[in-house]
């Protein structure tokens, strides 16, 4: 999909699980609700840390910063980027498990690991993470009116243990990723209704029923406005805004999402198929967001074990041993930077796709917030301080296009504070997340 714009207008897929029943009022004992803008959220994981000398901007002053090697593929989206410096993965400093296990388990949950029998490279053992991940909390807020509350995608994330999972529906409840594009396609698009050759949509009884509900709600509001107080009339008007928004979305379904071609079966363990799988999954996720079939996703490339090669980049060393080399080792450095650039390019592909789809006066890229990080800061020392964290989007909640030093008073904040900020940006009214001893509230550097 790179370089190809969606040449059809791709509109929202009309409110599955539609919730527009007439609001109760104070005189009828409740109140209405105005329509909220649609937001999307993605967690993005890559393994074994980053080469810091190629990650951090080479020159910076707030909103003026020069991208380093790893982020060059994202240059077109620099205004959407927020690079965070001096944020620590404090909740990875205790509890069961080795550094890779604790890092990946707490990265999006903010929780320690449970006791268990999964073995880290150092011989330590642990179980699953002991809490829900931030993407699933957000899905509970914004994903309930779409066919899929969240999508979990992975590329060679084949290990079924704590080092191979980033999304959790609750304590000890990991969500396995879909590992090949055909599985993604079958889950999201197999039953999608599409136009016939003339461009006419087939009759959709569910759509007709939803329009009927909207007509009934509008009639009820018109009747009630004749006999309620002025305050209640304002609340009715606010709710009518929601109804009209949904009506507009439904009215556009005559030009529906174009159903993507069914991908072939690929081998999720193959290093040869890996780049094709990754790009197809990014494209399918882009279309799912554009069609409003989902608004929340997690995307993981490999696992904390990461004993894989990237032959299409001429990187023939196994990732985990490579990450243990000195970052100044010329061979290890060049291979790891090339891999990180490829990871960066996947995010660029996602935002290129989303930026090609208009939504009102903006694009879907403007409504999508993504967090990219890893389970250790630097692979050779297994550190959890000064984590390499990139945010894409979120400009409706905090200023983007910045390189931000988050240290305050000589101390680095916990990433749990960042996870609170991400929830707030997505409409979740939270003041804490993960283990409370590592959380002080929203990340001050982004407020």
Foldseek 3Di string as FASTA:
>chain_A
DVPDFDPFAAFAQFWAVDDQAAFQDVVRPGFAAFDDDAFFEEEEAEAQAALVVQQDFPDADWLDTHHGLLQVLCVVQLQQKEWEWWAFQVQLPDAFDDLLLSLLQCVFFQAGFAADADADPVGTGTAHGAFFGLLLVLLVVRQPRALGSEAEAEFQLPDPGSQSFRGANTTRRTDHHDQFLLVLLCVQPPPDFAADPVLFTPDDVVLVVVVVSLVVNVVVLVVCCVPDDPVRNVRSVSSVNVSVVSVVSSVPCSRHQDRDDRDDDDDSNDLVCRVVRLLSVLVSVLSCVSHRNYRTYYYYYYGNVQQDANVVLPGGGGDLVLLQDPCPPVNSVVSSSSVSSVSSNSVSSNLSRQQSHDDVPGTNQQRYKYKYFYRAHGNNVSHRTGTGIMIGHLCVQFRGSTHFHLDDPNHRAHCQLCSQSVSVSSPHPDQGGHDRVRGGGHRPRGD
